[in-house]
Amino acid sequence: MKRIFLLPHSFKKVGWAILIPTFIIGLMMFIDGCNGFPGYLMKGLDPAGGLYRVLDSDAMTAILNNIAIIGICVGSLFVACSREPIEDELITQVRLNSLLIALYLNTAFIVVSALCFYGLGYLDVMIGNIFTMLLVFLVVYEVKLWRLKKSLRDEE
C-alpha cells in the first residue's frame, strides 16, 4: 500500500477554525483595496482618535495582511490535508480527482486572467490567485465527498 502523508483528522476542525475568520478578514480587506483594516468599518470613529490612528497605521496594515494570508494558507492546508474518519481507497480517489479538477480550473483561471487583465488589475487578480488552488480543491472535494456519502446512504 502506498503511504500518503496526511495530517490527523483532528486538524480538520482546527483548520476550519482558522480558515473561516481569516477568509472573512481577507475578503473584507480585499474589497477595500488591501489597505489594512477596512475603511468602511471605521466610518463612526473619530479620525483624530487613538483607535482610528492605530487601525489606520502601516503596522496594522502589515499585521492584518499577514494574518489573512497566513491564516487562509494554513487553515486551508489543514482542512485539505487532513484524514477523513475512514480513509480508504475510494476517499483517496476522490481526493486525487478533486485535486486534478482544482489544478485544471486554476490553470484556466490564470490563462483567462492573463488575457483579460493588465497592470494593477492583473496584480489584484494574482493576489486572489494565491489561494484559489487550495480553495477550489476544498470546494470540489467537499462536494464530491458529500455526494459520495449521500449516495452510500441512499443505497442502504
N, C-alpha and C. Protein backbone atom coordinates (compact mmCIF):
# COMPACT_ATOMS: atom_id res chain seq x y z
N MET A 1 0.82 -1.17 0.00
CA MET A 1 0.00 0.00 0.00
C MET A 1 0.88 1.25 0.00
N LYS A 2 0.50 2.23 -0.80
CA LYS A 2 1.26 3.47 -0.87
C LYS A 2 1.02 4.28 0.39
N ARG A 3 2.06 4.93 0.84
CA ARG A 3 1.95 5.77 2.03
C ARG A 3 1.57 7.18 1.62
N ILE A 4 0.50 7.68 2.20
CA ILE A 4 0.03 9.03 1.92
C ILE A 4 0.26 9.87 3.18
N PHE A 5 0.92 10.98 3.01
CA PHE A 5 1.26 11.83 4.15
C PHE A 5 0.13 12.83 4.41
N LEU A 6 -0.81 12.42 5.24
CA LEU A 6 -1.93 13.27 5.62
C LEU A 6 -1.86 13.58 7.10
N LEU A 7 -2.43 14.71 7.46
CA LEU A 7 -2.50 15.11 8.86
C LEU A 7 -3.60 14.32 9.57
N PRO A 8 -3.55 14.22 10.89
CA PRO A 8 -4.64 13.55 11.61
C PRO A 8 -5.98 14.26 11.40
N HIS A 9 -7.06 13.54 11.58
CA HIS A 9 -8.40 14.08 11.33
C HIS A 9 -8.72 15.28 12.21
N SER A 10 -8.14 15.35 13.41
CA SER A 10 -8.42 16.47 14.32
C SER A 10 -7.95 17.82 13.74
N PHE A 11 -7.02 17.80 12.81
CA PHE A 11 -6.55 19.04 12.20
C PHE A 11 -7.62 19.70 11.34
N LYS A 12 -8.61 18.94 10.88
CA LYS A 12 -9.66 19.50 10.04
C LYS A 12 -10.47 20.54 10.81
N LYS A 13 -10.83 20.25 12.05
CA LYS A 13 -11.58 21.21 12.86
C LYS A 13 -10.74 22.46 13.14
N VAL A 14 -9.49 22.26 13.46
CA VAL A 14 -8.59 23.39 13.71
C VAL A 14 -8.46 24.22 12.43
N GLY A 15 -8.35 23.55 11.30
CA GLY A 15 -8.23 24.24 10.02
C GLY A 15 -9.44 25.10 9.70
N TRP A 16 -10.64 24.56 9.93
CA TRP A 16 -11.86 25.35 9.70
C TRP A 16 -11.92 26.54 10.65
N ALA A 17 -11.48 26.33 11.90
CA ALA A 17 -11.50 27.42 12.88
C ALA A 17 -10.52 28.54 12.50
N ILE A 18 -9.46 28.21 11.81
CA ILE A 18 -8.51 29.22 11.33
C ILE A 18 -8.98 29.81 10.01
N LEU A 19 -9.45 28.97 9.10
CA LEU A 19 -9.78 29.40 7.74
C LEU A 19 -10.95 30.37 7.68
N ILE A 20 -12.03 30.07 8.37
CA ILE A 20 -13.25 30.89 8.23
C ILE A 20 -13.03 32.34 8.68
N PRO A 21 -12.50 32.60 9.88
CA PRO A 21 -12.33 34.02 10.26
C PRO A 21 -11.28 34.75 9.42
N THR A 22 -10.19 34.07 9.07
CA THR A 22 -9.16 34.76 8.28
C THR A 22 -9.63 34.98 6.85
N PHE A 23 -10.47 34.09 6.32
CA PHE A 23 -11.03 34.31 4.99
C PHE A 23 -11.96 35.52 5.00
N ILE A 24 -12.76 35.65 6.04
CA ILE A 24 -13.66 36.80 6.15
C ILE A 24 -12.85 38.09 6.27
N ILE A 25 -11.81 38.09 7.11
CA ILE A 25 -10.94 39.27 7.24
C ILE A 25 -10.29 39.60 5.90
N GLY A 26 -9.74 38.59 5.24
CA GLY A 26 -9.09 38.80 3.96
C GLY A 26 -10.04 39.32 2.89
N LEU A 27 -11.26 38.79 2.87
CA LEU A 27 -12.25 39.24 1.89
C LEU A 27 -12.65 40.70 2.15
N MET A 28 -12.85 41.05 3.42
CA MET A 28 -13.19 42.44 3.75
C MET A 28 -12.06 43.38 3.37
N MET A 29 -10.82 42.96 3.59
CA MET A 29 -9.68 43.80 3.22
C MET A 29 -9.54 43.89 1.71
N PHE A 30 -9.77 42.80 1.00
CA PHE A 30 -9.66 42.78 -0.47
C PHE A 30 -10.70 43.70 -1.09
N ILE A 31 -11.91 43.69 -0.54
CA ILE A 31 -12.97 44.57 -1.04
C ILE A 31 -12.57 46.04 -0.87
N ASP A 32 -11.84 46.34 0.20
CA ASP A 32 -11.43 47.71 0.50
C ASP A 32 -10.11 48.08 -0.17
N GLY A 33 -9.51 47.18 -0.95
CA GLY A 33 -8.29 47.50 -1.66
C GLY A 33 -7.01 47.08 -0.96
N CYS A 34 -7.08 46.13 -0.06
CA CYS A 34 -5.91 45.62 0.67
C CYS A 34 -5.13 46.72 1.38
N ASN A 35 -5.84 47.65 1.98
CA ASN A 35 -5.21 48.76 2.68
C ASN A 35 -5.28 48.60 4.19
N GLY A 36 -5.22 47.40 4.68
CA GLY A 36 -5.28 47.19 6.11
C GLY A 36 -6.72 47.07 6.59
N PHE A 37 -6.97 47.59 7.78
CA PHE A 37 -8.30 47.50 8.36
C PHE A 37 -9.29 48.19 7.44
N PRO A 38 -10.41 47.53 7.09
CA PRO A 38 -11.36 48.11 6.13
C PRO A 38 -11.87 49.48 6.57
N GLY A 39 -11.75 50.44 5.67
CA GLY A 39 -12.16 51.81 5.96
C GLY A 39 -13.65 51.95 6.20
N TYR A 40 -14.45 51.11 5.54
CA TYR A 40 -15.90 51.22 5.73
C TYR A 40 -16.34 50.77 7.12
N LEU A 41 -15.49 50.12 7.87
CA LEU A 41 -15.81 49.75 9.24
C LEU A 41 -15.37 50.83 10.24
N MET A 42 -14.61 51.83 9.75
CA MET A 42 -14.11 52.88 10.64
C MET A 42 -14.89 54.18 10.47
N LYS A 43 -16.01 54.17 9.77
CA LYS A 43 -16.75 55.41 9.49
C LYS A 43 -17.24 56.11 10.75
N GLY A 44 -17.60 55.39 11.79
CA GLY A 44 -18.12 56.00 13.01
C GLY A 44 -17.04 56.47 13.96
N LEU A 45 -15.78 56.16 13.68
CA LEU A 45 -14.69 56.54 14.58
C LEU A 45 -14.21 57.96 14.31
N ASP A 46 -13.75 58.62 15.36
CA ASP A 46 -13.20 59.97 15.24
C ASP A 46 -11.81 59.88 14.60
N PRO A 47 -11.58 60.55 13.43
CA PRO A 47 -10.27 60.48 12.76
C PRO A 47 -9.12 60.98 13.62
N ALA A 48 -9.40 61.80 14.62
CA ALA A 48 -8.33 62.30 15.49
C ALA A 48 -8.10 61.37 16.69
N GLY A 49 -8.97 60.38 16.84
CA GLY A 49 -8.88 59.49 18.00
C GLY A 49 -7.75 58.47 17.88
N GLY A 50 -7.37 57.92 19.02
CA GLY A 50 -6.27 56.97 19.07
C GLY A 50 -6.58 55.65 18.38
N LEU A 51 -7.82 55.15 18.55
CA LEU A 51 -8.19 53.88 17.93
C LEU A 51 -8.15 53.98 16.41
N TYR A 52 -8.61 55.09 15.87
CA TYR A 52 -8.59 55.30 14.43
C TYR A 52 -7.16 55.30 13.91
N ARG A 53 -6.26 55.99 14.62
CA ARG A 53 -4.86 56.06 14.19
C ARG A 53 -4.19 54.69 14.25
N VAL A 54 -4.52 53.90 15.26
CA VAL A 54 -3.94 52.55 15.37
C VAL A 54 -4.44 51.66 14.23
N LEU A 55 -5.76 51.69 13.98
CA LEU A 55 -6.32 50.84 12.93
C LEU A 55 -5.89 51.27 11.54
N ASP A 56 -5.57 52.56 11.37
CA ASP A 56 -5.19 53.09 10.07
C ASP A 56 -3.68 53.11 9.86
N SER A 57 -2.91 52.59 10.80
CA SER A 57 -1.45 52.66 10.72
C SER A 57 -0.88 51.63 9.74
N ASP A 58 0.35 51.88 9.31
CA ASP A 58 1.04 50.94 8.41
C ASP A 58 1.33 49.62 9.12
N ALA A 59 1.61 49.68 10.41
CA ALA A 59 1.88 48.45 11.17
C ALA A 59 0.64 47.56 11.20
N MET A 60 -0.54 48.15 11.41
CA MET A 60 -1.78 47.37 11.43
C MET A 60 -2.06 46.78 10.06
N THR A 61 -1.76 47.53 9.00
CA THR A 61 -1.93 47.02 7.64
C THR A 61 -1.06 45.78 7.43
N ALA A 62 0.20 45.86 7.82
CA ALA A 62 1.11 44.72 7.66
C ALA A 62 0.65 43.52 8.50
N ILE A 63 0.23 43.78 9.72
CA ILE A 63 -0.22 42.70 10.59
C ILE A 63 -1.46 42.02 10.03
N LEU A 64 -2.45 42.81 9.61
CA LEU A 64 -3.68 42.21 9.08
C LEU A 64 -3.45 41.48 7.76
N ASN A 65 -2.60 42.04 6.91
CA ASN A 65 -2.28 41.33 5.67
C ASN A 65 -1.64 39.98 5.96
N ASN A 66 -0.70 39.95 6.90
CA ASN A 66 -0.04 38.68 7.25
C ASN A 66 -1.01 37.71 7.90
N ILE A 67 -1.87 38.21 8.78
CA ILE A 67 -2.86 37.33 9.41
C ILE A 67 -3.76 36.71 8.36
N ALA A 68 -4.22 37.51 7.42
CA ALA A 68 -5.13 36.99 6.39
C ALA A 68 -4.43 35.98 5.50
N ILE A 69 -3.25 36.31 4.99
CA ILE A 69 -2.55 35.42 4.07
C ILE A 69 -2.15 34.12 4.76
N ILE A 70 -1.50 34.24 5.91
CA ILE A 70 -1.02 33.04 6.60
C ILE A 70 -2.19 32.22 7.12
N GLY A 71 -3.22 32.87 7.64
CA GLY A 71 -4.38 32.15 8.16
C GLY A 71 -5.11 31.38 7.07
N ILE A 72 -5.32 32.01 5.92
CA ILE A 72 -6.00 31.31 4.82
C ILE A 72 -5.16 30.14 4.33
N CYS A 73 -3.86 30.36 4.17
CA CYS A 73 -2.98 29.28 3.70
C CYS A 73 -2.93 28.11 4.69
N VAL A 74 -2.68 28.41 5.95
CA VAL A 74 -2.55 27.34 6.95
C VAL A 74 -3.90 26.66 7.19
N GLY A 75 -4.95 27.44 7.31
CA GLY A 75 -6.28 26.86 7.53
C GLY A 75 -6.72 25.96 6.40
N SER A 76 -6.57 26.43 5.16
CA SER A 76 -6.99 25.60 4.03
C SER A 76 -6.08 24.38 3.88
N LEU A 77 -4.81 24.51 4.19
CA LEU A 77 -3.90 23.36 4.14
C LEU A 77 -4.29 22.31 5.19
N PHE A 78 -4.62 22.75 6.40
CA PHE A 78 -5.06 21.82 7.44
C PHE A 78 -6.34 21.09 7.03
N VAL A 79 -7.29 21.82 6.46
CA VAL A 79 -8.54 21.19 6.06
C VAL A 79 -8.32 20.24 4.88
N ALA A 80 -7.54 20.68 3.90
CA ALA A 80 -7.35 19.88 2.69
C ALA A 80 -6.50 18.63 2.94
N CYS A 81 -5.56 18.72 3.84
CA CYS A 81 -4.62 17.61 4.04
C CYS A 81 -4.91 16.78 5.28
N SER A 82 -6.10 16.88 5.83
CA SER A 82 -6.47 16.07 6.99
C SER A 82 -7.13 14.78 6.54
N ARG A 83 -6.86 13.74 7.29
CA ARG A 83 -7.51 12.46 7.01
C ARG A 83 -9.00 12.55 7.28
N GLU A 84 -9.74 11.72 6.60
CA GLU A 84 -11.16 11.53 6.91
C GLU A 84 -11.25 10.49 8.03
N PRO A 85 -12.38 10.43 8.74
CA PRO A 85 -12.50 9.42 9.81
C PRO A 85 -12.25 8.00 9.29
N ILE A 86 -12.75 7.73 8.09
CA ILE A 86 -12.47 6.44 7.44
C ILE A 86 -11.78 6.76 6.12
N GLU A 87 -10.48 6.57 6.08
CA GLU A 87 -9.69 6.90 4.89
C GLU A 87 -9.43 5.60 4.13
N ASP A 88 -10.14 5.42 3.02
CA ASP A 88 -9.95 4.21 2.22
C ASP A 88 -9.57 4.60 0.79
N GLU A 89 -9.51 3.60 -0.11
CA GLU A 89 -9.10 3.85 -1.49
C GLU A 89 -10.08 4.76 -2.23
N LEU A 90 -11.36 4.66 -1.92
CA LEU A 90 -12.35 5.49 -2.57
C LEU A 90 -12.18 6.97 -2.19
N ILE A 91 -11.92 7.22 -0.93
CA ILE A 91 -11.68 8.59 -0.47
C ILE A 91 -10.40 9.12 -1.12
N THR A 92 -9.39 8.28 -1.22
CA THR A 92 -8.14 8.69 -1.86
C THR A 92 -8.37 9.03 -3.33
N GLN A 93 -9.20 8.26 -4.00
CA GLN A 93 -9.53 8.54 -5.40
C GLN A 93 -10.30 9.85 -5.53
N VAL A 94 -11.25 10.10 -4.64
CA VAL A 94 -12.00 11.36 -4.65
C VAL A 94 -11.04 12.53 -4.41
N ARG A 95 -10.10 12.36 -3.49
CA ARG A 95 -9.12 13.41 -3.19
C ARG A 95 -8.26 13.71 -4.42
N LEU A 96 -7.81 12.68 -5.11
CA LEU A 96 -6.98 12.87 -6.30
C LEU A 96 -7.76 13.53 -7.43
N ASN A 97 -8.99 13.08 -7.66
CA ASN A 97 -9.82 13.69 -8.71
C ASN A 97 -10.12 15.15 -8.40
N SER A 98 -10.38 15.45 -7.15
CA SER A 98 -10.64 16.84 -6.76
C SER A 98 -9.42 17.71 -6.97
N LEU A 99 -8.25 17.16 -6.67
CA LEU A 99 -7.02 17.91 -6.88
C LEU A 99 -6.78 18.19 -8.36
N LEU A 100 -7.05 17.22 -9.21
CA LEU A 100 -6.88 17.44 -10.64
C LEU A 100 -7.87 18.46 -11.18
N ILE A 101 -9.11 18.40 -10.74
CA ILE A 101 -10.11 19.39 -11.17
C ILE A 101 -9.68 20.79 -10.73
N ALA A 102 -9.20 20.91 -9.49
CA ALA A 102 -8.74 22.21 -8.99
C ALA A 102 -7.55 22.71 -9.80
N LEU A 103 -6.65 21.82 -10.17
CA LEU A 103 -5.50 22.20 -10.99
C LEU A 103 -5.94 22.71 -12.36
N TYR A 104 -6.87 22.01 -13.00
CA TYR A 104 -7.37 22.43 -14.31
C TYR A 104 -8.08 23.78 -14.22
N LEU A 105 -8.94 23.94 -13.22
CA LEU A 105 -9.67 25.20 -13.09
C LEU A 105 -8.73 26.36 -12.75
N ASN A 106 -7.75 26.12 -11.90
CA ASN A 106 -6.80 27.17 -11.55
C ASN A 106 -5.96 27.58 -12.76
N THR A 107 -5.53 26.62 -13.55
CA THR A 107 -4.77 26.94 -14.75
C THR A 107 -5.61 27.72 -15.75
N ALA A 108 -6.87 27.31 -15.92
CA ALA A 108 -7.76 28.05 -16.82
C ALA A 108 -7.97 29.47 -16.32
N PHE A 109 -8.11 29.63 -15.00
CA PHE A 109 -8.28 30.95 -14.41
C PHE A 109 -7.07 31.83 -14.69
N ILE A 110 -5.88 31.29 -14.56
CA ILE A 110 -4.66 32.06 -14.80
C ILE A 110 -4.57 32.48 -16.27
N VAL A 111 -4.89 31.56 -17.18
CA VAL A 111 -4.83 31.88 -18.61
C VAL A 111 -5.84 32.97 -18.97
N VAL A 112 -7.07 32.82 -18.50
CA VAL A 112 -8.10 33.83 -18.79
C VAL A 112 -7.72 35.17 -18.16
N SER A 113 -7.18 35.15 -16.95
CA SER A 113 -6.77 36.39 -16.29
C SER A 113 -5.65 37.08 -17.06
N ALA A 114 -4.70 36.31 -17.57
CA ALA A 114 -3.60 36.89 -18.34
C ALA A 114 -4.11 37.55 -19.62
N LEU A 115 -5.17 37.01 -20.19
CA LEU A 115 -5.73 37.57 -21.42
C LEU A 115 -6.64 38.77 -21.17
N CYS A 116 -7.25 38.85 -19.99
CA CYS A 116 -8.27 39.88 -19.73
C CYS A 116 -7.81 41.05 -18.87
N PHE A 117 -6.81 40.86 -18.02
CA PHE A 117 -6.42 41.90 -17.07
C PHE A 117 -5.00 42.37 -17.34
N TYR A 118 -4.78 43.67 -17.11
CA TYR A 118 -3.47 44.26 -17.32
C TYR A 118 -3.15 45.19 -16.16
N GLY A 119 -1.88 45.44 -15.96
CA GLY A 119 -1.44 46.41 -14.96
C GLY A 119 -1.82 46.02 -13.54
N LEU A 120 -2.32 47.00 -12.79
CA LEU A 120 -2.67 46.75 -11.39
C LEU A 120 -3.88 45.84 -11.25
N GLY A 121 -4.77 45.82 -12.25
CA GLY A 121 -5.89 44.88 -12.21
C GLY A 121 -5.40 43.45 -12.21
N TYR A 122 -4.37 43.17 -12.98
CA TYR A 122 -3.79 41.82 -13.02
C TYR A 122 -3.16 41.48 -11.68
N LEU A 123 -2.54 42.46 -11.05
CA LEU A 123 -1.95 42.24 -9.72
C LEU A 123 -3.02 41.87 -8.70
N ASP A 124 -4.16 42.55 -8.75
CA ASP A 124 -5.27 42.22 -7.84
C ASP A 124 -5.75 40.79 -8.07
N VAL A 125 -5.85 40.40 -9.33
CA VAL A 125 -6.29 39.04 -9.64
C VAL A 125 -5.27 38.02 -9.14
N MET A 126 -4.00 38.31 -9.28
CA MET A 126 -2.97 37.37 -8.83
C MET A 126 -2.90 37.28 -7.30
N ILE A 127 -3.24 38.37 -6.61
CA ILE A 127 -3.30 38.31 -5.15
C ILE A 127 -4.39 37.32 -4.74
N GLY A 128 -5.53 37.40 -5.41
CA GLY A 128 -6.59 36.42 -5.14
C GLY A 128 -6.21 35.02 -5.57
N ASN A 129 -5.36 34.92 -6.57
CA ASN A 129 -4.96 33.61 -7.09
C ASN A 129 -4.02 32.85 -6.15
N ILE A 130 -3.49 33.54 -5.17
CA ILE A 130 -2.64 32.86 -4.18
C ILE A 130 -3.40 31.70 -3.54
N PHE A 131 -4.69 31.89 -3.34
CA PHE A 131 -5.49 30.93 -2.58
C PHE A 131 -6.40 30.06 -3.44
N THR A 132 -6.55 30.37 -4.72
CA THR A 132 -7.59 29.70 -5.50
C THR A 132 -7.38 28.19 -5.61
N MET A 133 -6.16 27.74 -5.76
CA MET A 133 -5.92 26.30 -5.93
C MET A 133 -6.45 25.51 -4.72
N LEU A 134 -6.04 25.92 -3.52
CA LEU A 134 -6.49 25.21 -2.33
C LEU A 134 -7.98 25.37 -2.08
N LEU A 135 -8.50 26.58 -2.30
CA LEU A 135 -9.92 26.81 -2.03
C LEU A 135 -10.81 26.07 -3.03
N VAL A 136 -10.42 26.05 -4.30
CA VAL A 136 -11.19 25.29 -5.29
C VAL A 136 -11.12 23.80 -4.96
N PHE A 137 -9.94 23.33 -4.56
CA PHE A 137 -9.83 21.92 -4.16
C PHE A 137 -10.78 21.61 -3.01
N LEU A 138 -10.80 22.49 -2.00
CA LEU A 138 -11.68 22.26 -0.85
C LEU A 138 -13.14 22.19 -1.26
N VAL A 139 -13.57 23.10 -2.11
CA VAL A 139 -14.97 23.11 -2.54
C VAL A 139 -15.29 21.84 -3.32
N VAL A 140 -14.46 21.50 -4.30
CA VAL A 140 -14.72 20.32 -5.12
C VAL A 140 -14.68 19.05 -4.27
N TYR A 141 -13.69 18.94 -3.39
CA TYR A 141 -13.53 17.76 -2.55
C TYR A 141 -14.72 17.58 -1.60
N GLU A 142 -15.12 18.67 -0.95
CA GLU A 142 -16.23 18.57 -0.01
C GLU A 142 -17.54 18.24 -0.72
N VAL A 143 -17.76 18.80 -1.91
CA VAL A 143 -18.98 18.49 -2.67
C VAL A 143 -18.97 17.04 -3.11
N LYS A 144 -17.84 16.56 -3.63
CA LYS A 144 -17.75 15.16 -4.07
C LYS A 144 -17.90 14.21 -2.88
N LEU A 145 -17.32 14.56 -1.75
CA LEU A 145 -17.43 13.72 -0.56
C LEU A 145 -18.87 13.70 -0.06
N TRP A 146 -19.54 14.84 -0.08
CA TRP A 146 -20.95 14.91 0.33
C TRP A 146 -21.81 14.05 -0.59
N ARG A 147 -21.58 14.14 -1.91
CA ARG A 147 -22.35 13.32 -2.86
C ARG A 147 -22.09 11.83 -2.64
N LEU A 148 -20.83 11.47 -2.37
CA LEU A 148 -20.50 10.07 -2.13
C LEU A 148 -21.20 9.55 -0.88
N LYS A 149 -21.16 10.31 0.19
CA LYS A 149 -21.82 9.89 1.43
C LYS A 149 -23.33 9.81 1.24
N LYS A 150 -23.89 10.74 0.47
CA LYS A 150 -25.32 10.74 0.21
C LYS A 150 -25.71 9.51 -0.61
N SER A 151 -24.92 9.18 -1.62
CA SER A 151 -25.24 8.00 -2.43
C SER A 151 -25.09 6.71 -1.63
N LEU A 152 -24.13 6.66 -0.72
CA LEU A 152 -23.97 5.47 0.13
C LEU A 152 -25.15 5.35 1.10
N ARG A 153 -25.65 6.48 1.61
CA ARG A 153 -26.81 6.46 2.49
C ARG A 153 -28.06 6.00 1.74
N ASP A 154 -28.18 6.46 0.49
CA ASP A 154 -29.35 6.08 -0.33
C ASP A 154 -29.36 4.61 -0.67
N GLU A 155 -28.17 4.00 -0.80
CA GLU A 155 -28.09 2.57 -1.11
C GLU A 155 -28.53 1.71 0.08
N GLU A 156 -28.34 2.23 1.28
CA GLU A 156 -28.68 1.44 2.48
C GLU A 156 -30.14 1.46 2.69
